[in-house]
All heavy atoms as atom14 arrays in JSON, in Angstrom:
{
  "sequence": "VVLSGTIPVGDTTTVEVTFRDVSEAYLAALREALVDRG",
  "atom14_mask": [
    [1, 1, 1, 1, 1, 1, 1, 0, 0, 0, 0, 0, 0, 0],
    [1, 1, 1, 1, 1, 1, 1, 0, 0, 0, 0, 0, 0, 0],
    [1, 1, 1, 1, 1, 1, 1, 1, 0, 0, 0, 0, 0, 0],
    [1, 1, 1, 1, 1, 1, 0, 0, 0, 0, 0, 0, 0, 0],
    [1, 1, 1, 1, 0, 0, 0, 0, 0, 0, 0, 0, 0, 0],
    [1, 1, 1, 1, 1, 1, 1, 0, 0, 0, 0, 0, 0, 0],
    [1, 1, 1, 1, 1, 1, 1, 1, 0, 0, 0, 0, 0, 0],
    [1, 1, 1, 1, 1, 1, 1, 0, 0, 0, 0, 0, 0, 0],
    [1, 1, 1, 1, 1, 1, 1, 0, 0, 0, 0, 0, 0, 0],
    [1, 1, 1, 1, 0, 0, 0, 0, 0, 0, 0, 0, 0, 0],
    [1, 1, 1, 1, 1, 1, 1, 1, 0, 0, 0, 0, 0, 0],
    [1, 1, 1, 1, 1, 1, 1, 0, 0, 0, 0, 0, 0, 0],
    [1, 1, 1, 1, 1, 1, 1, 0, 0, 0, 0, 0, 0, 0],
    [1, 1, 1, 1, 1, 1, 1, 0, 0, 0, 0, 0, 0, 0],
    [1, 1, 1, 1, 1, 1, 1, 0, 0, 0, 0, 0, 0, 0],
    [1, 1, 1, 1, 1, 1, 1, 1, 1, 0, 0, 0, 0, 0],
    [1, 1, 1, 1, 1, 1, 1, 0, 0, 0, 0, 0, 0, 0],
    [1, 1, 1, 1, 1, 1, 1, 0, 0, 0, 0, 0, 0, 0],
    [1, 1, 1, 1, 1, 1, 1, 1, 1, 1, 1, 0, 0, 0],
    [1, 1, 1, 1, 1, 1, 1, 1, 1, 1, 1, 0, 0, 0],
    [1, 1, 1, 1, 1, 1, 1, 1, 0, 0, 0, 0, 0, 0],
    [1, 1, 1, 1, 1, 1, 1, 0, 0, 0, 0, 0, 0, 0],
    [1, 1, 1, 1, 1, 1, 0, 0, 0, 0, 0, 0, 0, 0],
    [1, 1, 1, 1, 1, 1, 1, 1, 1, 0, 0, 0, 0, 0],
    [1, 1, 1, 1, 1, 0, 0, 0, 0, 0, 0, 0, 0, 0],
    [1, 1, 1, 1, 1, 1, 1, 1, 1, 1, 1, 1, 0, 0],
    [1, 1, 1, 1, 1, 1, 1, 1, 0, 0, 0, 0, 0, 0],
    [1, 1, 1, 1, 1, 0, 0, 0, 0, 0, 0, 0, 0, 0],
    [1, 1, 1, 1, 1, 0, 0, 0, 0, 0, 0, 0, 0, 0],
    [1, 1, 1, 1, 1, 1, 1, 1, 0, 0, 0, 0, 0, 0],
    [1, 1, 1, 1, 1, 1, 1, 1, 1, 1, 1, 0, 0, 0],
    [1, 1, 1, 1, 1, 1, 1, 1, 1, 0, 0, 0, 0, 0],
    [1, 1, 1, 1, 1, 0, 0, 0, 0, 0, 0, 0, 0, 0],
    [1, 1, 1, 1, 1, 1, 1, 1, 0, 0, 0, 0, 0, 0],
    [1, 1, 1, 1, 1, 1, 1, 0, 0, 0, 0, 0, 0, 0],
    [1, 1, 1, 1, 1, 1, 1, 1, 0, 0, 0, 0, 0, 0],
    [1, 1, 1, 1, 1, 1, 1, 1, 1, 1, 1, 0, 0, 0],
    [1, 1, 1, 1, 0, 0, 0, 0, 0, 0, 0, 0, 0, 0]
  ],
  "atom14_positions": [
    [[22.18, -42.69, -52.51], [22.14, -41.47, -53.3], [21.75, -40.34, -52.37], [20.71, -40.4, -51.69], [21.13, -41.58, -54.46], [20.94, -40.22, -55.14], [21.61, -42.61, -55.48], [0.0, 0.0, 0.0], [0.0, 0.0, 0.0], [0.0, 0.0, 0.0], [0.0, 0.0, 0.0], [0.0, 0.0, 0.0], [0.0, 0.0, 0.0], [0.0, 0.0, 0.0]],
    [[22.59, -39.32, -52.31], [22.35, -38.19, -51.42], [21.64, -37.1, -52.2], [22.18, -36.57, -53.18], [23.67, -37.65, -50.83], [23.39, -36.49, -49.88], [24.42, -38.77, -50.11], [0.0, 0.0, 0.0], [0.0, 0.0, 0.0], [0.0, 0.0, 0.0], [0.0, 0.0, 0.0], [0.0, 0.0, 0.0], [0.0, 0.0, 0.0], [0.0, 0.0, 0.0]],
    [[20.43, -36.77, -51.76], [19.65, -35.72, -52.39], [19.82, -34.44, -51.58], [19.4, -34.36, -50.43], [18.17, -36.12, -52.45], [17.22, -35.14, -53.15], [17.51, -35.08, -54.64], [15.77, -35.54, -52.91], [0.0, 0.0, 0.0], [0.0, 0.0, 0.0], [0.0, 0.0, 0.0], [0.0, 0.0, 0.0], [0.0, 0.0, 0.0], [0.0, 0.0, 0.0]],
    [[20.44, -33.44, -52.19], [20.73, -32.19, -51.49], [20.17, -31.01, -52.27], [19.77, -31.15, -53.43], [22.24, -32.01, -51.3], [22.89, -31.96, -52.56], [0.0, 0.0, 0.0], [0.0, 0.0, 0.0], [0.0, 0.0, 0.0], [0.0, 0.0, 0.0], [0.0, 0.0, 0.0], [0.0, 0.0, 0.0], [0.0, 0.0, 0.0], [0.0, 0.0, 0.0]],
    [[20.16, -29.83, -51.61], [19.69, -28.62, -52.27], [18.37, -28.15, -51.69], [18.0, -28.48, -50.55], [0.0, 0.0, 0.0], [0.0, 0.0, 0.0], [0.0, 0.0, 0.0], [0.0, 0.0, 0.0], [0.0, 0.0, 0.0], [0.0, 0.0, 0.0], [0.0, 0.0, 0.0], [0.0, 0.0, 0.0], [0.0, 0.0, 0.0], [0.0, 0.0, 0.0]],
    [[17.64, -27.37, -52.47], [16.37, -26.81, -52.0], [15.28, -26.96, -53.05], [15.55, -27.06, -54.25], [16.53, -25.31, -51.68], [16.91, -24.6, -52.87], [17.55, -25.08, -50.59], [0.0, 0.0, 0.0], [0.0, 0.0, 0.0], [0.0, 0.0, 0.0], [0.0, 0.0, 0.0], [0.0, 0.0, 0.0], [0.0, 0.0, 0.0], [0.0, 0.0, 0.0]],
    [[14.04, -26.97, -52.56], [12.86, -26.99, -53.42], [11.81, -26.1, -52.78], [11.61, -26.15, -51.55], [12.35, -28.43, -53.63], [11.14, -28.43, -54.58], [12.02, -29.1, -52.32], [10.72, -29.84, -55.0], [0.0, 0.0, 0.0], [0.0, 0.0, 0.0], [0.0, 0.0, 0.0], [0.0, 0.0, 0.0], [0.0, 0.0, 0.0], [0.0, 0.0, 0.0]],
    [[11.14, -25.24, -53.55], [10.14, -24.35, -52.96], [8.96, -25.11, -52.34], [8.66, -26.25, -52.73], [9.67, -23.51, -54.15], [10.82, -23.54, -55.11], [11.39, -24.92, -54.96], [0.0, 0.0, 0.0], [0.0, 0.0, 0.0], [0.0, 0.0, 0.0], [0.0, 0.0, 0.0], [0.0, 0.0, 0.0], [0.0, 0.0, 0.0], [0.0, 0.0, 0.0]],
    [[8.3, -24.48, -51.4], [7.14, -25.05, -50.73], [6.1, -25.5, -51.76], [5.73, -24.76, -52.67], [6.51, -24.01, -49.78], [5.16, -24.51, -49.27], [7.42, -23.71, -48.6], [0.0, 0.0, 0.0], [0.0, 0.0, 0.0], [0.0, 0.0, 0.0], [0.0, 0.0, 0.0], [0.0, 0.0, 0.0], [0.0, 0.0, 0.0], [0.0, 0.0, 0.0]],
    [[5.67, -26.77, -51.63], [4.61, -27.3, -52.48], [5.0, -27.61, -53.91], [4.17, -28.07, -54.69], [0.0, 0.0, 0.0], [0.0, 0.0, 0.0], [0.0, 0.0, 0.0], [0.0, 0.0, 0.0], [0.0, 0.0, 0.0], [0.0, 0.0, 0.0], [0.0, 0.0, 0.0], [0.0, 0.0, 0.0], [0.0, 0.0, 0.0], [0.0, 0.0, 0.0]],
    [[6.25, -27.37, -54.28], [6.68, -27.62, -55.66], [7.01, -29.1, -55.85], [7.2, -29.85, -54.89], [7.9, -26.77, -55.99], [8.01, -26.46, -57.47], [7.3, -27.12, -58.26], [8.8, -25.58, -57.85], [0.0, 0.0, 0.0], [0.0, 0.0, 0.0], [0.0, 0.0, 0.0], [0.0, 0.0, 0.0], [0.0, 0.0, 0.0], [0.0, 0.0, 0.0]],
    [[7.07, -29.53, -57.1], [7.45, -30.9, -57.44], [8.46, -30.87, -58.58], [8.44, -29.97, -59.42], [6.24, -31.74, -57.88], [5.67, -31.16, -59.06], [5.19, -31.8, -56.79], [0.0, 0.0, 0.0], [0.0, 0.0, 0.0], [0.0, 0.0, 0.0], [0.0, 0.0, 0.0], [0.0, 0.0, 0.0], [0.0, 0.0, 0.0], [0.0, 0.0, 0.0]],
    [[9.34, -31.85, -58.6], [10.29, -31.98, -59.7], [10.8, -33.42, -59.74], [10.57, -34.2, -58.82], [11.48, -31.0, -59.52], [12.25, -30.97, -60.73], [12.4, -31.44, -58.39], [0.0, 0.0, 0.0], [0.0, 0.0, 0.0], [0.0, 0.0, 0.0], [0.0, 0.0, 0.0], [0.0, 0.0, 0.0], [0.0, 0.0, 0.0], [0.0, 0.0, 0.0]],
    [[11.48, -33.76, -60.82], [12.06, -35.09, -60.98], [13.54, -34.95, -61.29], [13.93, -34.15, -62.16], [11.36, -35.86, -62.11], [9.97, -36.04, -61.77], [11.99, -37.22, -62.31], [0.0, 0.0, 0.0], [0.0, 0.0, 0.0], [0.0, 0.0, 0.0], [0.0, 0.0, 0.0], [0.0, 0.0, 0.0], [0.0, 0.0, 0.0], [0.0, 0.0, 0.0]],
    [[14.35, -35.73, -60.61], [15.8, -35.72, -60.78], [16.23, -37.1, -61.25], [15.79, -38.11, -60.69], [16.52, -35.36, -59.47], [18.04, -35.36, -59.66], [16.04, -34.01, -58.94], [0.0, 0.0, 0.0], [0.0, 0.0, 0.0], [0.0, 0.0, 0.0], [0.0, 0.0, 0.0], [0.0, 0.0, 0.0], [0.0, 0.0, 0.0], [0.0, 0.0, 0.0]],
    [[17.06, -37.16, -62.27], [17.59, -38.44, -62.74], [18.92, -38.76, -62.06], [19.72, -37.85, -61.79], [17.82, -38.41, -64.26], [16.53, -38.33, -65.06], [16.79, -38.33, -66.55], [17.97, -38.14, -66.95], [15.84, -38.51, -67.33], [0.0, 0.0, 0.0], [0.0, 0.0, 0.0], [0.0, 0.0, 0.0], [0.0, 0.0, 0.0], [0.0, 0.0, 0.0]],
    [[19.15, -40.03, -61.8], [20.43, -40.47, -61.25], [20.8, -41.8, -61.89], [19.97, -42.7, -62.0], [20.37, -40.59, -59.7], [19.31, -41.59, -59.26], [21.74, -40.96, -59.13], [0.0, 0.0, 0.0], [0.0, 0.0, 0.0], [0.0, 0.0, 0.0], [0.0, 0.0, 0.0], [0.0, 0.0, 0.0], [0.0, 0.0, 0.0], [0.0, 0.0, 0.0]],
    [[22.04, -41.91, -62.36], [22.49, -43.16, -62.98], [22.92, -44.14, -61.9], [23.29, -43.75, -60.78], [23.65, -42.9, -63.95], [24.73, -42.26, -63.25], [23.2, -42.0, -65.1], [0.0, 0.0, 0.0], [0.0, 0.0, 0.0], [0.0, 0.0, 0.0], [0.0, 0.0, 0.0], [0.0, 0.0, 0.0], [0.0, 0.0, 0.0], [0.0, 0.0, 0.0]],
    [[22.88, -45.42, -62.25], [23.26, -46.46, -61.3], [24.77, -46.61, -61.29], [25.41, -46.67, -62.34], [22.62, -47.8, -61.67], [21.12, -47.78, -61.69], [20.41, -48.28, -62.77], [20.42, -47.27, -60.61], [19.02, -48.28, -62.78], [19.03, -47.27, -60.61], [18.33, -47.77, -61.7], [0.0, 0.0, 0.0], [0.0, 0.0, 0.0], [0.0, 0.0, 0.0]],
    [[25.32, -46.72, -60.09], [26.75, -47.0, -59.97], [27.05, -48.41, -60.46], [28.06, -48.66, -61.11], [27.18, -46.83, -58.51], [28.67, -47.05, -58.27], [29.0, -46.93, -56.8], [28.3, -47.94, -56.01], [28.49, -48.11, -54.71], [29.31, -47.32, -54.05], [27.82, -49.05, -54.06], [0.0, 0.0, 0.0], [0.0, 0.0, 0.0], [0.0, 0.0, 0.0]],
    [[26.16, -49.36, -60.13], [26.3, -50.75, -60.55], [24.97, -51.17, -61.17], [23.97, -51.36, -60.46], [26.64, -51.63, -59.34], [26.91, -53.08, -59.7], [26.31, -53.58, -60.69], [27.7, -53.74, -59.0], [0.0, 0.0, 0.0], [0.0, 0.0, 0.0], [0.0, 0.0, 0.0], [0.0, 0.0, 0.0], [0.0, 0.0, 0.0], [0.0, 0.0, 0.0]],
    [[24.94, -51.31, -62.49], [23.66, -51.55, -63.18], [23.12, -52.95, -62.9], [21.9, -53.15, -62.85], [23.79, -51.3, -64.69], [23.92, -49.82, -64.96], [24.96, -52.05, -65.3], [0.0, 0.0, 0.0], [0.0, 0.0, 0.0], [0.0, 0.0, 0.0], [0.0, 0.0, 0.0], [0.0, 0.0, 0.0], [0.0, 0.0, 0.0], [0.0, 0.0, 0.0]],
    [[23.98, -53.94, -62.73], [23.5, -55.28, -62.39], [22.87, -55.29, -61.0], [21.85, -55.95, -60.76], [24.64, -56.3, -62.44], [25.04, -56.55, -63.78], [0.0, 0.0, 0.0], [0.0, 0.0, 0.0], [0.0, 0.0, 0.0], [0.0, 0.0, 0.0], [0.0, 0.0, 0.0], [0.0, 0.0, 0.0], [0.0, 0.0, 0.0], [0.0, 0.0, 0.0]],
    [[23.47, -54.56, -60.07], [22.91, -54.45, -58.72], [21.51, -53.86, -58.77], [20.6, -54.29, -58.06], [23.81, -53.6, -57.84], [23.29, -53.42, -56.42], [24.09, -52.41, -55.62], [24.87, -51.64, -56.22], [23.91, -52.37, -54.38], [0.0, 0.0, 0.0], [0.0, 0.0, 0.0], [0.0, 0.0, 0.0], [0.0, 0.0, 0.0], [0.0, 0.0, 0.0]],
    [[21.31, -52.87, -59.65], [19.99, -52.24, -59.77], [18.96, -53.25, -60.28], [17.82, -53.3, -59.78], [20.08, -51.05, -60.71], [0.0, 0.0, 0.0], [0.0, 0.0, 0.0], [0.0, 0.0, 0.0], [0.0, 0.0, 0.0], [0.0, 0.0, 0.0], [0.0, 0.0, 0.0], [0.0, 0.0, 0.0], [0.0, 0.0, 0.0], [0.0, 0.0, 0.0]],
    [[19.33, -54.06, -61.25], [18.43, -55.08, -61.8], [18.04, -56.08, -60.7], [16.86, -56.4, -60.52], [19.12, -55.8, -62.95], [18.26, -56.75, -63.74], [17.84, -56.44, -65.02], [17.88, -57.98, -63.22], [17.05, -57.33, -65.77], [17.09, -58.86, -63.94], [16.69, -58.53, -65.21], [15.92, -59.4, -65.94], [0.0, 0.0, 0.0], [0.0, 0.0, 0.0]],
    [[19.05, -56.56, -59.96], [18.8, -57.56, -58.94], [17.95, -56.99, -57.8], [17.08, -57.66, -57.26], [20.12, -58.1, -58.4], [21.0, -58.83, -59.43], [22.36, -59.16, -58.83], [20.31, -60.09, -59.93], [0.0, 0.0, 0.0], [0.0, 0.0, 0.0], [0.0, 0.0, 0.0], [0.0, 0.0, 0.0], [0.0, 0.0, 0.0], [0.0, 0.0, 0.0]],
    [[18.19, -55.72, -57.45], [17.39, -55.09, -56.39], [15.93, -54.96, -56.83], [15.01, -55.17, -56.03], [17.97, -53.71, -56.06], [0.0, 0.0, 0.0], [0.0, 0.0, 0.0], [0.0, 0.0, 0.0], [0.0, 0.0, 0.0], [0.0, 0.0, 0.0], [0.0, 0.0, 0.0], [0.0, 0.0, 0.0], [0.0, 0.0, 0.0], [0.0, 0.0, 0.0]],
    [[15.71, -54.6, -58.09], [14.34, -54.5, -58.6], [13.67, -55.87, -58.62], [12.47, -55.99, -58.31], [14.36, -53.88, -59.99], [0.0, 0.0, 0.0], [0.0, 0.0, 0.0], [0.0, 0.0, 0.0], [0.0, 0.0, 0.0], [0.0, 0.0, 0.0], [0.0, 0.0, 0.0], [0.0, 0.0, 0.0], [0.0, 0.0, 0.0], [0.0, 0.0, 0.0]],
    [[14.42, -56.92, -58.98], [13.84, -58.27, -58.97], [13.5, -58.7, -57.55], [12.43, -59.28, -57.31], [14.83, -59.25, -59.61], [14.39, -60.72, -59.61], [13.05, -60.9, -60.32], [15.47, -61.6, -60.25], [0.0, 0.0, 0.0], [0.0, 0.0, 0.0], [0.0, 0.0, 0.0], [0.0, 0.0, 0.0], [0.0, 0.0, 0.0], [0.0, 0.0, 0.0]],
    [[14.38, -58.41, -56.58], [14.07, -58.73, -55.18], [12.78, -58.03, -54.75], [11.94, -58.61, -54.05], [15.22, -58.29, -54.26], [16.46, -59.14, -54.32], [17.42, -58.77, -53.21], [18.78, -59.15, -53.56], [19.69, -58.34, -54.08], [19.38, -57.08, -54.32], [20.89, -58.79, -54.36], [0.0, 0.0, 0.0], [0.0, 0.0, 0.0], [0.0, 0.0, 0.0]],
    [[12.65, -56.77, -55.15], [11.44, -56.02, -54.8], [10.2, -56.71, -55.37], [9.18, -56.85, -54.67], [11.55, -54.6, -55.34], [10.32, -53.74, -55.08], [10.46, -52.35, -55.64], [11.49, -51.69, -55.38], [9.53, -51.89, -56.35], [0.0, 0.0, 0.0], [0.0, 0.0, 0.0], [0.0, 0.0, 0.0], [0.0, 0.0, 0.0], [0.0, 0.0, 0.0]],
    [[10.26, -57.15, -56.62], [9.12, -57.82, -57.24], [8.81, -59.13, -56.53], [7.63, -59.48, -56.32], [9.42, -58.08, -58.72], [0.0, 0.0, 0.0], [0.0, 0.0, 0.0], [0.0, 0.0, 0.0], [0.0, 0.0, 0.0], [0.0, 0.0, 0.0], [0.0, 0.0, 0.0], [0.0, 0.0, 0.0], [0.0, 0.0, 0.0], [0.0, 0.0, 0.0]],
    [[9.84, -59.87, -56.11], [9.64, -61.13, -55.4], [8.97, -60.89, -54.05], [8.0, -61.56, -53.68], [10.97, -61.85, -55.21], [11.67, -62.37, -56.47], [13.06, -62.88, -56.15], [10.85, -63.46, -57.14], [0.0, 0.0, 0.0], [0.0, 0.0, 0.0], [0.0, 0.0, 0.0], [0.0, 0.0, 0.0], [0.0, 0.0, 0.0], [0.0, 0.0, 0.0]],
    [[9.5, -59.91, -53.31], [8.96, -59.61, -51.98], [7.52, -59.12, -52.08], [6.66, -59.51, -51.29], [9.86, -58.59, -51.26], [9.19, -58.11, -49.98], [11.21, -59.2, -50.95], [0.0, 0.0, 0.0], [0.0, 0.0, 0.0], [0.0, 0.0, 0.0], [0.0, 0.0, 0.0], [0.0, 0.0, 0.0], [0.0, 0.0, 0.0], [0.0, 0.0, 0.0]],
    [[7.26, -58.27, -53.06], [5.89, -57.77, -53.24], [4.92, -58.92, -53.53], [3.73, -58.84, -53.17], [5.84, -56.75, -54.38], [6.42, -55.4, -53.98], [6.7, -55.2, -52.78], [6.61, -54.55, -54.88], [0.0, 0.0, 0.0], [0.0, 0.0, 0.0], [0.0, 0.0, 0.0], [0.0, 0.0, 0.0], [0.0, 0.0, 0.0], [0.0, 0.0, 0.0]],
    [[5.41, -59.96, -54.17], [4.55, -61.11, -54.49], [4.42, -62.07, -53.31], [3.61, -63.0, -53.34], [5.13, -61.86, -55.71], [4.2, -62.92, -56.27], [2.92, -62.28, -56.78], [1.96, -63.24, -57.31], [1.06, -63.89, -56.57], [1.03, -63.7, -55.24], [0.19, -64.72, -57.12], [0.0, 0.0, 0.0], [0.0, 0.0, 0.0], [0.0, 0.0, 0.0]],
    [[5.24, -61.87, -52.27], [5.16, -62.73, -51.1], [6.28, -63.74, -51.0], [6.23, -64.63, -50.14], [0.0, 0.0, 0.0], [0.0, 0.0, 0.0], [0.0, 0.0, 0.0], [0.0, 0.0, 0.0], [0.0, 0.0, 0.0], [0.0, 0.0, 0.0], [0.0, 0.0, 0.0], [0.0, 0.0, 0.0], [0.0, 0.0, 0.0], [0.0, 0.0, 0.0]]
  ]
}
C-alpha cells in the first residue's frame, strides 16, 4: 500500500484501506499472532 500526500508537522490522522485479497489478510494476521507467540 503506497501512502502518498502530505500531513502537517506534528499532526495525526487515520486512513482506511481495503484489502486486495481478504483471505491473504487473515492469514497474514494469523502468522503475526503465531510469530509473536514464538
